Amino acid sequence: NSTAPDYLTELLRIYKPTRQLRSSSDTSILCIPTVRTHSL
């Protein structure tokens, strides 16, 4: 909602499905990046 620093906001991305499903109107899901380790 644009009240946080830009350096944090740019770390998050809204999830956009490759195929727009008719039943999916939820635009508040965020992408979870791929990482290698659980502890880091």
PDB file of all heavy atoms in Angstrom:
ATOM      1  N   ASN A   1       0.817  -1.218   0.000  1.00  0.00           N
ATOM      2  CA  ASN A   1       0.000   0.000   0.000  1.00  0.00           C
ATOM      3  C   ASN A   1       0.850   1.267   0.000  1.00  0.00           C
ATOM      4  O   ASN A   1       0.391   2.333   0.408  1.00  0.00           O
ATOM      5  CB  ASN A   1      -0.958  -0.019   1.199  1.00  0.00           C
ATOM      6  CG  ASN A   1      -2.067  -1.036   1.040  1.00  0.00           C
ATOM      7  OD1 ASN A   1      -3.114  -0.760   0.469  1.00  0.00           O
ATOM      8  ND2 ASN A   1      -1.832  -2.243   1.539  1.00  0.00           N
ATOM      9  N   SER A   2       2.095   1.116  -0.449  1.00  0.00           N
ATOM     10  CA  SER A   2       2.984   2.261  -0.704  1.00  0.00           C
ATOM     11  C   SER A   2       3.278   3.109   0.522  1.00  0.00           C
ATOM     12  O   SER A   2       3.455   4.321   0.421  1.00  0.00           O
ATOM     13  CB  SER A   2       2.397   3.152  -1.809  1.00  0.00           C
ATOM     14  OG  SER A   2       2.158   2.406  -2.982  1.00  0.00           O
ATOM     15  N   THR A   3       3.309   2.486   1.705  1.00  0.00           N
ATOM     16  CA  THR A   3       3.687   3.227   2.913  1.00  0.00           C
ATOM     17  C   THR A   3       4.955   2.656   3.533  1.00  0.00           C
ATOM     18  O   THR A   3       5.301   3.008   4.655  1.00  0.00           O
ATOM     19  CB  THR A   3       2.552   3.204   3.961  1.00  0.00           C
ATOM     20  OG1 THR A   3       2.195   1.844   4.258  1.00  0.00           O
ATOM     21  CG2 THR A   3       1.333   3.954   3.453  1.00  0.00           C
ATOM     22  N   ALA A   4       5.627   1.786   2.817  1.00  0.00           N
ATOM     23  CA  ALA A   4       6.888   1.201   3.279  1.00  0.00           C
ATOM     24  C   ALA A   4       8.027   1.717   2.410  1.00  0.00           C
ATOM     25  O   ALA A   4       7.801   2.247   1.318  1.00  0.00           O
ATOM     26  CB  ALA A   4       6.813  -0.329   3.215  1.00  0.00           C
ATOM     27  N   PRO A   5       9.271   1.574   2.863  1.00  0.00           N
ATOM     28  CA  PRO A   5      10.407   2.026   2.044  1.00  0.00           C
ATOM     29  C   PRO A   5      10.469   1.300   0.705  1.00  0.00           C
ATOM     30  O   PRO A   5      10.106   0.117   0.607  1.00  0.00           O
ATOM     31  CB  PRO A   5      11.623   1.673   2.909  1.00  0.00           C
ATOM     32  CG  PRO A   5      11.099   1.553   4.300  1.00  0.00           C
ATOM     33  CD  PRO A   5       9.700   1.062   4.174  1.00  0.00           C
ATOM     34  N   ASP A   6      10.934   1.992  -0.310  1.00  0.00           N
ATOM     35  CA  ASP A   6      11.064   1.381  -1.635  1.00  0.00           C
ATOM     36  C   ASP A   6      11.971   0.161  -1.613  1.00  0.00           C
ATOM     37  O   ASP A   6      11.755  -0.803  -2.350  1.00  0.00           O
ATOM     38  CB  ASP A   6      11.615   2.402  -2.637  1.00  0.00           C
ATOM     39  CG  ASP A   6      10.616   3.499  -2.949  1.00  0.00           C
ATOM     40  OD1 ASP A   6       9.419   3.294  -2.674  1.00  0.00           O
ATOM     41  OD2 ASP A   6      11.029   4.562  -3.454  1.00  0.00           O
ATOM     42  N   TYR A   7      13.014   0.203  -0.755  1.00  0.00           N
ATOM     43  CA  TYR A   7      13.958  -0.918  -0.755  1.00  0.00           C
ATOM     44  C   TYR A   7      13.342  -2.208  -0.217  1.00  0.00           C
ATOM     45  O   TYR A   7      13.867  -3.289  -0.468  1.00  0.00           O
ATOM     46  CB  TYR A   7      15.243  -0.563   0.011  1.00  0.00           C
ATOM     47  CG  TYR A   7      15.057  -0.078   1.446  1.00  0.00           C
ATOM     48  CD1 TYR A   7      14.744  -0.954   2.480  1.00  0.00           C
ATOM     49  CD2 TYR A   7      15.240   1.264   1.762  1.00  0.00           C
ATOM     50  CE1 TYR A   7      14.595  -0.515   3.780  1.00  0.00           C
ATOM     51  CE2 TYR A   7      15.104   1.710   3.068  1.00  0.00           C
ATOM     52  CZ  TYR A   7      14.782   0.825   4.071  1.00  0.00           C
ATOM     53  OH  TYR A   7      14.643   1.261   5.377  1.00  0.00           O
ATOM     54  N   LEU A   8      12.227  -2.121   0.503  1.00  0.00           N
ATOM     55  CA  LEU A   8      11.494  -3.332   0.888  1.00  0.00           C
ATOM     56  C   LEU A   8      10.421  -3.669  -0.133  1.00  0.00           C
ATOM     57  O   LEU A   8      10.223  -4.838  -0.490  1.00  0.00           O
ATOM     58  CB  LEU A   8      10.853  -3.160   2.272  1.00  0.00           C
ATOM     59  CG  LEU A   8      11.763  -3.193   3.501  1.00  0.00           C
ATOM     60  CD1 LEU A   8      10.926  -3.171   4.779  1.00  0.00           C
ATOM     61  CD2 LEU A   8      12.670  -4.413   3.498  1.00  0.00           C
ATOM     62  N   THR A   9       9.720  -2.638  -0.612  1.00  0.00           N
ATOM     63  CA  THR A   9       8.633  -2.869  -1.564  1.00  0.00           C
ATOM     64  C   THR A   9       9.120  -3.599  -2.812  1.00  0.00           C
ATOM     65  O   THR A   9       8.440  -4.486  -3.339  1.00  0.00           O
ATOM     66  CB  THR A   9       7.993  -1.524  -1.959  1.00  0.00           C
ATOM     67  OG1 THR A   9       7.507  -0.870  -0.772  1.00  0.00           O
ATOM     68  CG2 THR A   9       6.847  -1.723  -2.923  1.00  0.00           C
ATOM     69  N   GLU A  10      10.317  -3.245  -3.289  1.00  0.00           N
ATOM     70  CA  GLU A  10      10.831  -3.857  -4.513  1.00  0.00           C
ATOM     71  C   GLU A  10      11.228  -5.320  -4.333  1.00  0.00           C
ATOM     72  O   GLU A  10      11.493  -6.013  -5.314  1.00  0.00           O
ATOM     73  CB  GLU A  10      12.025  -3.055  -5.027  1.00  0.00           C
ATOM     74  CG  GLU A  10      13.239  -3.102  -4.135  1.00  0.00           C
ATOM     75  CD  GLU A  10      14.322  -2.120  -4.539  1.00  0.00           C
ATOM     76  OE1 GLU A  10      14.039  -1.192  -5.333  1.00  0.00           O
ATOM     77  OE2 GLU A  10      15.459  -2.270  -4.052  1.00  0.00           O
ATOM     78  N   LEU A  11      11.215  -5.813  -3.089  1.00  0.00           N
ATOM     79  CA  LEU A  11      11.525  -7.224  -2.839  1.00  0.00           C
ATOM     80  C   LEU A  11      10.297  -8.120  -3.023  1.00  0.00           C
ATOM     81  O   LEU A  11      10.420  -9.347  -3.042  1.00  0.00           O
ATOM     82  CB  LEU A  11      12.066  -7.409  -1.416  1.00  0.00           C
ATOM     83  CG  LEU A  11      13.374  -6.688  -1.083  1.00  0.00           C
ATOM     84  CD1 LEU A  11      13.745  -6.908   0.388  1.00  0.00           C
ATOM     85  CD2 LEU A  11      14.508  -7.172  -1.987  1.00  0.00           C
ATOM     86  N   LEU A  12       9.104  -7.525  -3.166  1.00  0.00           N
ATOM     87  CA  LEU A  12       7.865  -8.285  -3.271  1.00  0.00           C
ATOM     88  C   LEU A  12       7.260  -8.126  -4.662  1.00  0.00           C
ATOM     89  O   LEU A  12       7.348  -7.062  -5.268  1.00  0.00           O
ATOM     90  CB  LEU A  12       6.855  -7.815  -2.217  1.00  0.00           C
ATOM     91  CG  LEU A  12       7.344  -7.813  -0.762  1.00  0.00           C
ATOM     92  CD1 LEU A  12       6.233  -7.300   0.155  1.00  0.00           C
ATOM     93  CD2 LEU A  12       7.794  -9.201  -0.321  1.00  0.00           C
ATOM     94  N   ARG A  13       6.634  -9.209  -5.151  1.00  0.00           N
ATOM     95  CA  ARG A  13       5.986  -9.172  -6.468  1.00  0.00           C
ATOM     96  C   ARG A  13       4.619  -9.832  -6.382  1.00  0.00           C
ATOM     97  O   ARG A  13       4.467 -10.899  -5.784  1.00  0.00           O
ATOM     98  CB  ARG A  13       6.826  -9.893  -7.528  1.00  0.00           C
ATOM     99  CG  ARG A  13       8.071  -9.127  -7.966  1.00  0.00           C
ATOM    100  CD  ARG A  13       8.711  -9.750  -9.203  1.00  0.00           C
ATOM    101  NE  ARG A  13       9.033 -11.152  -9.030  1.00  0.00           N
ATOM    102  CZ  ARG A  13       8.467 -12.150  -9.679  1.00  0.00           C
ATOM    103  NH1 ARG A  13       7.498 -11.912 -10.572  1.00  0.00           N
ATOM    104  NH2 ARG A  13       8.845 -13.400  -9.473  1.00  0.00           N
ATOM    105  N   ILE A  14       3.615  -9.173  -6.984  1.00  0.00           N
ATOM    106  CA  ILE A  14       2.271  -9.758  -7.057  1.00  0.00           C
ATOM    107  C   ILE A  14       2.301 -10.951  -8.014  1.00  0.00           C
ATOM    108  O   ILE A  14       2.894 -10.884  -9.090  1.00  0.00           O
ATOM    109  CB  ILE A  14       1.247  -8.712  -7.555  1.00  0.00           C
ATOM    110  CG1 ILE A  14       1.180  -7.524  -6.578  1.00  0.00           C
ATOM    111  CG2 ILE A  14      -0.121  -9.337  -7.746  1.00  0.00           C
ATOM    112  CD1 ILE A  14       0.526  -7.848  -5.269  1.00  0.00           C
ATOM    113  N   TYR A  15       1.657 -12.035  -7.598  1.00  0.00           N
ATOM    114  CA  TYR A  15       1.591 -13.229  -8.458  1.00  0.00           C
ATOM    115  C   TYR A  15       0.595 -13.002  -9.594  1.00  0.00           C
ATOM    116  O   TYR A  15      -0.544 -12.599  -9.373  1.00  0.00           O
ATOM    117  CB  TYR A  15       1.166 -14.448  -7.636  1.00  0.00           C
ATOM    118  CG  TYR A  15       0.925 -15.677  -8.478  1.00  0.00           C
ATOM    119  CD1 TYR A  15       1.978 -16.347  -9.075  1.00  0.00           C
ATOM    120  CD2 TYR A  15      -0.375 -16.149  -8.687  1.00  0.00           C
ATOM    121  CE1 TYR A  15       1.762 -17.467  -9.857  1.00  0.00           C
ATOM    122  CE2 TYR A  15      -0.603 -17.268  -9.457  1.00  0.00           C
ATOM    123  CZ  TYR A  15       0.471 -17.926 -10.047  1.00  0.00           C
ATOM    124  OH  TYR A  15       0.252 -19.037 -10.825  1.00  0.00           O
ATOM    125  N   LYS A  16       1.061 -13.235 -10.813  1.00  0.00           N
ATOM    126  CA  LYS A  16       0.203 -13.120 -11.991  1.00  0.00           C
ATOM    127  C   LYS A  16       0.244 -14.449 -12.747  1.00  0.00           C
ATOM    128  O   LYS A  16       1.268 -14.803 -13.329  1.00  0.00           O
ATOM    129  CB  LYS A  16       0.677 -11.988 -12.898  1.00  0.00           C
ATOM    130  CG  LYS A  16       0.561 -10.612 -12.264  1.00  0.00           C
ATOM    131  CD  LYS A  16       1.056  -9.517 -13.194  1.00  0.00           C
ATOM    132  CE  LYS A  16       0.937  -8.151 -12.527  1.00  0.00           C
ATOM    133  NZ  LYS A  16       1.462  -7.061 -13.383  1.00  0.00           N
ATOM    134  N   PRO A  17      -0.865 -15.200 -12.707  1.00  0.00           N
ATOM    135  CA  PRO A  17      -0.868 -16.508 -13.388  1.00  0.00           C
ATOM    136  C   PRO A  17      -0.666 -16.352 -14.890  1.00  0.00           C
ATOM    137  O   PRO A  17      -1.104 -15.360 -15.494  1.00  0.00           O
ATOM    138  CB  PRO A  17      -2.250 -17.075 -13.060  1.00  0.00           C
ATOM    139  CG  PRO A  17      -3.085 -15.901 -12.681  1.00  0.00           C
ATOM    140  CD  PRO A  17      -2.156 -14.893 -12.087  1.00  0.00           C
ATOM    141  N   THR A  18       0.003 -17.310 -15.484  1.00  0.00           N
ATOM    142  CA  THR A  18       0.253 -17.255 -16.924  1.00  0.00           C
ATOM    143  C   THR A  18      -1.052 -17.356 -17.696  1.00  0.00           C
ATOM    144  O   THR A  18      -1.199 -16.798 -18.778  1.00  0.00           O
ATOM    145  CB  THR A  18       1.189 -18.399 -17.340  1.00  0.00           C
ATOM    146  OG1 THR A  18       0.660 -19.635 -16.846  1.00  0.00           O
ATOM    147  CG2 THR A  18       2.575 -18.175 -16.764  1.00  0.00           C
ATOM    148  N   ARG A  19      -2.031 -18.094 -17.115  1.00  0.00           N
ATOM    149  CA  ARG A  19      -3.345 -18.202 -17.737  1.00  0.00           C
ATOM    150  C   ARG A  19      -4.381 -17.631 -16.811  1.00  0.00           C
ATOM    151  O   ARG A  19      -4.479 -18.058 -15.680  1.00  0.00           O
ATOM    152  CB  ARG A  19      -3.654 -19.675 -17.985  1.00  0.00           C
ATOM    153  CG  ARG A  19      -4.094 -19.947 -19.395  1.00  0.00           C
ATOM    154  CD  ARG A  19      -4.310 -21.405 -19.603  1.00  0.00           C
ATOM    155  NE  ARG A  19      -5.725 -21.681 -19.652  1.00  0.00           N
ATOM    156  CZ  ARG A  19      -6.271 -22.848 -19.361  1.00  0.00           C
ATOM    157  NH1 ARG A  19      -5.528 -23.829 -18.963  1.00  0.00           N
ATOM    158  NH2 ARG A  19      -7.545 -23.024 -19.465  1.00  0.00           N
ATOM    159  N   GLN A  20      -5.109 -16.618 -17.233  1.00  0.00           N
ATOM    160  CA  GLN A  20      -6.097 -15.992 -16.371  1.00  0.00           C
ATOM    161  C   GLN A  20      -7.313 -16.898 -16.256  1.00  0.00           C
ATOM    162  O   GLN A  20      -8.014 -17.160 -17.234  1.00  0.00           O
ATOM    163  CB  GLN A  20      -6.520 -14.633 -16.946  1.00  0.00           C
ATOM    164  CG  GLN A  20      -7.383 -13.805 -16.002  1.00  0.00           C
ATOM    165  CD  GLN A  20      -6.631 -13.433 -14.730  1.00  0.00           C
ATOM    166  OE1 GLN A  20      -5.467 -13.098 -14.787  1.00  0.00           O
ATOM    167  NE2 GLN A  20      -7.303 -13.502 -13.597  1.00  0.00           N
ATOM    168  N   LEU A  21      -7.540 -17.407 -15.041  1.00  0.00           N
ATOM    169  CA  LEU A  21      -8.687 -18.282 -14.801  1.00  0.00           C
ATOM    170  C   LEU A  21      -9.907 -17.428 -14.461  1.00  0.00           C
ATOM    171  O   LEU A  21      -9.815 -16.440 -13.733  1.00  0.00           O
ATOM    172  CB  LEU A  21      -8.390 -19.257 -13.654  1.00  0.00           C
ATOM    173  CG  LEU A  21      -7.162 -20.167 -13.878  1.00  0.00           C
ATOM    174  CD1 LEU A  21      -6.943 -21.039 -12.655  1.00  0.00           C
ATOM    175  CD2 LEU A  21      -7.360 -21.030 -15.111  1.00  0.00           C
ATOM    176  N   ARG A  22     -11.062 -17.848 -14.968  1.00  0.00           N
ATOM    177  CA  ARG A  22     -12.282 -17.065 -14.757  1.00  0.00           C
ATOM    178  C   ARG A  22     -12.627 -16.975 -13.281  1.00  0.00           C
ATOM    179  O   ARG A  22     -13.090 -15.956 -12.790  1.00  0.00           O
ATOM    180  CB  ARG A  22     -13.438 -17.707 -15.527  1.00  0.00           C
ATOM    181  CG  ARG A  22     -14.726 -16.907 -15.474  1.00  0.00           C
ATOM    182  CD  ARG A  22     -15.812 -17.564 -16.293  1.00  0.00           C
ATOM    183  NE  ARG A  22     -15.413 -17.720 -17.691  1.00  0.00           N
ATOM    184  CZ  ARG A  22     -16.126 -18.394 -18.586  1.00  0.00           C
ATOM    185  NH1 ARG A  22     -17.253 -18.980 -18.225  1.00  0.00           N
ATOM    186  NH2 ARG A  22     -15.712 -18.501 -19.828  1.00  0.00           N
ATOM    187  N   SER A  23     -12.362 -18.065 -12.531  1.00  0.00           N
ATOM    188  CA  SER A  23     -12.744 -18.099 -11.119  1.00  0.00           C
ATOM    189  C   SER A  23     -11.730 -17.409 -10.218  1.00  0.00           C
ATOM    190  O   SER A  23     -11.950 -17.231  -9.040  1.00  0.00           O
ATOM    191  CB  SER A  23     -12.911 -19.551 -10.656  1.00  0.00           C
ATOM    192  OG  SER A  23     -11.684 -20.249 -10.831  1.00  0.00           O
ATOM    193  N   SER A  24     -10.574 -17.044 -10.779  1.00  0.00           N
ATOM    194  CA  SER A  24      -9.523 -16.457  -9.951  1.00  0.00           C
ATOM    195  C   SER A  24      -9.551 -14.943 -10.071  1.00  0.00           C
ATOM    196  O   SER A  24      -9.173 -14.384 -11.081  1.00  0.00           O
ATOM    197  CB  SER A  24      -8.148 -16.994 -10.382  1.00  0.00           C
ATOM    198  OG  SER A  24      -7.147 -16.351  -9.658  1.00  0.00           O
ATOM    199  N   SER A  25     -10.027 -14.286  -8.994  1.00  0.00           N
ATOM    200  CA  SER A  25     -10.047 -12.826  -8.975  1.00  0.00           C
ATOM    201  C   SER A  25      -9.150 -12.281  -7.866  1.00  0.00           C
ATOM    202  O   SER A  25      -9.171 -11.100  -7.568  1.00  0.00           O
ATOM    203  CB  SER A  25     -11.484 -12.322  -8.758  1.00  0.00           C
ATOM    204  OG  SER A  25     -12.006 -12.824  -7.546  1.00  0.00           O
ATOM    205  N   ASP A  26      -8.363 -13.157  -7.236  1.00  0.00           N
ATOM    206  CA  ASP A  26      -7.500 -12.773  -6.124  1.00  0.00           C
ATOM    207  C   ASP A  26      -6.194 -12.202  -6.662  1.00  0.00           C
ATOM    208  O   ASP A  26      -5.371 -12.924  -7.221  1.00  0.00           O
ATOM    209  CB  ASP A  26      -7.231 -13.989  -5.238  1.00  0.00           C
ATOM    210  CG  ASP A  26      -6.506 -13.602  -3.949  1.00  0.00           C
ATOM    211  OD1 ASP A  26      -6.124 -12.428  -3.815  1.00  0.00           O
ATOM    212  OD2 ASP A  26      -6.347 -14.484  -3.084  1.00  0.00           O
ATOM    213  N   THR A  27      -6.020 -10.889  -6.503  1.00  0.00           N
ATOM    214  CA  THR A  27      -4.794 -10.231  -6.986  1.00  0.00           C
ATOM    215  C   THR A  27      -3.876  -9.854  -5.828  1.00  0.00           C
ATOM    216  O   THR A  27      -2.986  -9.022  -5.982  1.00  0.00           O
ATOM    217  CB  THR A  27      -5.147  -8.965  -7.773  1.00  0.00           C
ATOM    218  OG1 THR A  27      -5.884  -8.084  -6.917  1.00  0.00           O
ATOM    219  CG2 THR A  27      -5.951  -9.298  -9.010  1.00  0.00           C
ATOM    220  N   SER A  28      -4.116 -10.468  -4.648  1.00  0.00           N
ATOM    221  CA  SER A  28      -3.304 -10.115  -3.484  1.00  0.00           C
ATOM    222  C   SER A  28      -2.313 -11.215  -3.111  1.00  0.00           C
ATOM    223  O   SER A  28      -1.664 -11.139  -2.072  1.00  0.00           O
ATOM    224  CB  SER A  28      -4.204  -9.801  -2.282  1.00  0.00           C
ATOM    225  OG  SER A  28      -4.982 -10.945  -1.944  1.00  0.00           O
ATOM    226  N   ILE A  29      -2.196 -12.247  -3.942  1.00  0.00           N
ATOM    227  CA  ILE A  29      -1.222 -13.305  -3.687  1.00  0.00           C
ATOM    228  C   ILE A  29       0.155 -12.835  -4.147  1.00  0.00           C
ATOM    229  O   ILE A  29       0.297 -12.219  -5.210  1.00  0.00           O
ATOM    230  CB  ILE A  29      -1.617 -14.600  -4.436  1.00  0.00           C
ATOM    231  CG1 ILE A  29      -2.925 -15.159  -3.870  1.00  0.00           C
ATOM    232  CG2 ILE A  29      -0.510 -15.635  -4.355  1.00  0.00           C
ATOM    233  CD1 ILE A  29      -2.794 -15.745  -2.488  1.00  0.00           C
ATOM    234  N   LEU A  30       1.179 -13.124  -3.355  1.00  0.00           N
ATOM    235  CA  LEU A  30       2.537 -12.719  -3.687  1.00  0.00           C
ATOM    236  C   LEU A  30       3.364 -13.903  -4.176  1.00  0.00           C
ATOM    237  O   LEU A  30       3.140 -15.046  -3.759  1.00  0.00           O
ATOM    238  CB  LEU A  30       3.225 -12.105  -2.455  1.00  0.00           C
ATOM    239  CG  LEU A  30       2.643 -10.793  -1.938  1.00  0.00           C
ATOM    240  CD1 LEU A  30       3.338 -10.371  -0.652  1.00  0.00           C
ATOM    241  CD2 LEU A  30       2.765  -9.701  -2.984  1.00  0.00           C
ATOM    242  N   CYS A  31       4.303 -13.623  -5.045  1.00  0.00           N
ATOM    243  CA  CYS A  31       5.232 -14.650  -5.516  1.00  0.00           C
ATOM    244  C   CYS A  31       6.210 -15.005  -4.405  1.00  0.00           C
ATOM    245  O   CYS A  31       6.728 -14.122  -3.717  1.00  0.00           O
ATOM    246  CB  CYS A  31       6.025 -14.158  -6.728  1.00  0.00           C
ATOM    247  SG  CYS A  31       5.027 -13.853  -8.188  1.00  0.00           S
ATOM    248  N   ILE A  32       6.464 -16.292  -4.260  1.00  0.00           N
ATOM    249  CA  ILE A  32       7.465 -16.759  -3.297  1.00  0.00           C
ATOM    250  C   ILE A  32       8.703 -17.177  -4.084  1.00  0.00           C
ATOM    251  O   ILE A  32       8.641 -18.095  -4.898  1.00  0.00           O
ATOM    252  CB  ILE A  32       6.935 -17.938  -2.458  1.00  0.00           C
ATOM    253  CG1 ILE A  32       5.698 -17.499  -1.663  1.00  0.00           C
ATOM    254  CG2 ILE A  32       8.023 -18.449  -1.510  1.00  0.00           C
ATOM    255  CD1 ILE A  32       5.058 -18.596  -0.845  1.00  0.00           C
ATOM    256  N   PRO A  33       9.832 -16.491  -3.893  1.00  0.00           N
ATOM    257  CA  PRO A  33      11.017 -16.791  -4.694  1.00  0.00           C
ATOM    258  C   PRO A  33      11.611 -18.153  -4.344  1.00  0.00           C
ATOM    259  O   PRO A  33      11.359 -18.709  -3.266  1.00  0.00           O
ATOM    260  CB  PRO A  33      11.986 -15.662  -4.322  1.00  0.00           C
ATOM    261  CG  PRO A  33      11.562 -15.252  -2.952  1.00  0.00           C
ATOM    262  CD  PRO A  33      10.067 -15.422  -2.909  1.00  0.00           C
ATOM    263  N   THR A  34      12.391 -18.677  -5.256  1.00  0.00           N
ATOM    264  CA  THR A  34      13.069 -19.949  -5.026  1.00  0.00           C
ATOM    265  C   THR A  34      14.377 -19.700  -4.281  1.00  0.00           C
ATOM    266  O   THR A  34      15.183 -18.861  -4.681  1.00  0.00           O
ATOM    267  CB  THR A  34      13.373 -20.645  -6.363  1.00  0.00           C
ATOM    268  OG1 THR A  34      12.142 -20.842  -7.065  1.00  0.00           O
ATOM    269  CG2 THR A  34      14.056 -21.983  -6.141  1.00  0.00           C
ATOM    270  N   VAL A  35      14.566 -20.402  -3.195  1.00  0.00           N
ATOM    271  CA  VAL A  35      15.817 -20.314  -2.432  1.00  0.00           C
ATOM    272  C   VAL A  35      16.351 -21.724  -2.226  1.00  0.00           C
ATOM    273  O   VAL A  35      15.649 -22.713  -2.423  1.00  0.00           O
ATOM    274  CB  VAL A  35      15.612 -19.616  -1.070  1.00  0.00           C
ATOM    275  CG1 VAL A  35      15.209 -18.166  -1.253  1.00  0.00           C
ATOM    276  CG2 VAL A  35      14.560 -20.347  -0.231  1.00  0.00           C
ATOM    277  N   ARG A  36      17.604 -21.820  -1.804  1.00  0.00           N
ATOM    278  CA  ARG A  36      18.253 -23.128  -1.701  1.00  0.00           C
ATOM    279  C   ARG A  36      18.155 -23.732  -0.307  1.00  0.00           C
ATOM    280  O   ARG A  36      18.050 -24.940  -0.158  1.00  0.00           O
ATOM    281  CB  ARG A  36      19.729 -22.993  -2.097  1.00  0.00           C
ATOM    282  CG  ARG A  36      19.930 -22.598  -3.553  1.00  0.00           C
ATOM    283  CD  ARG A  36      21.363 -22.198  -3.821  1.00  0.00           C
ATOM    284  NE  ARG A  36      22.302 -23.268  -3.472  1.00  0.00           N
ATOM    285  CZ  ARG A  36      23.619 -23.118  -3.445  1.00  0.00           C
ATOM    286  NH1 ARG A  36      24.145 -21.932  -3.719  1.00  0.00           N
ATOM    287  NH2 ARG A  36      24.397 -24.126  -3.133  1.00  0.00           N
ATOM    288  N   THR A  37      18.233 -22.892   0.739  1.00  0.00           N
ATOM    289  CA  THR A  37      18.353 -23.434   2.094  1.00  0.00           C
ATOM    290  C   THR A  37      17.221 -22.969   2.992  1.00  0.00           C
ATOM    291  O   THR A  37      16.758 -21.831   2.911  1.00  0.00           O
ATOM    292  CB  THR A  37      19.697 -23.003   2.725  1.00  0.00           C
ATOM    293  OG1 THR A  37      19.772 -21.578   2.744  1.00  0.00           O
ATOM    294  CG2 THR A  37      20.873 -23.565   1.928  1.00  0.00           C
ATOM    295  N   HIS A  38      16.828 -23.867   3.877  1.00  0.00           N
ATOM    296  CA  HIS A  38      15.761 -23.568   4.834  1.00  0.00           C
ATOM    297  C   HIS A  38      16.265 -22.612   5.904  1.00  0.00           C
ATOM    298  O   HIS A  38      15.559 -21.686   6.321  1.00  0.00           O
ATOM    299  CB  HIS A  38      15.275 -24.871   5.478  1.00  0.00           C
ATOM    300  CG  HIS A  38      14.313 -24.665   6.609  1.00  0.00           C
ATOM    301  ND1 HIS A  38      12.979 -24.386   6.405  1.00  0.00           N
ATOM    302  CD2 HIS A  38      14.490 -24.674   7.955  1.00  0.00           C
ATOM    303  CE1 HIS A  38      12.374 -24.244   7.581  1.00  0.00           C
ATOM    304  NE2 HIS A  38      13.271 -24.408   8.532  1.00  0.00           N
ATOM    305  N   SER A  39      17.492 -22.810   6.391  1.00  0.00           N
ATOM    306  CA  SER A  39      18.004 -22.047   7.525  1.00  0.00           C
ATOM    307  C   SER A  39      18.529 -20.673   7.137  1.00  0.00           C
ATOM    308  O   SER A  39      18.807 -19.847   8.000  1.00  0.00           O
ATOM    309  CB  SER A  39      19.126 -22.830   8.226  1.00  0.00           C
ATOM    310  OG  SER A  39      20.194 -23.070   7.327  1.00  0.00           O
ATOM    311  N   LEU A  40      18.668 -20.407   5.819  1.00  0.00           N
ATOM    312  CA  LEU A  40      19.193 -19.116   5.379  1.00  0.00           C
ATOM    313  C   LEU A  40      18.215 -18.412   4.445  1.00  0.00           C
ATOM    314  O   LEU A  40      17.609 -17.409   4.807  1.00  0.00           O
ATOM    315  CB  LEU A  40      20.553 -19.311   4.689  1.00  0.00           C
ATOM    316  CG  LEU A  40      21.682 -19.848   5.578  1.00  0.00           C
ATOM    317  CD1 LEU A  40      22.889 -20.245   4.740  1.00  0.00           C
ATOM    318  CD2 LEU A  40      22.077 -18.823   6.631  1.00  0.00           C
TER     319      LEU A  40
END
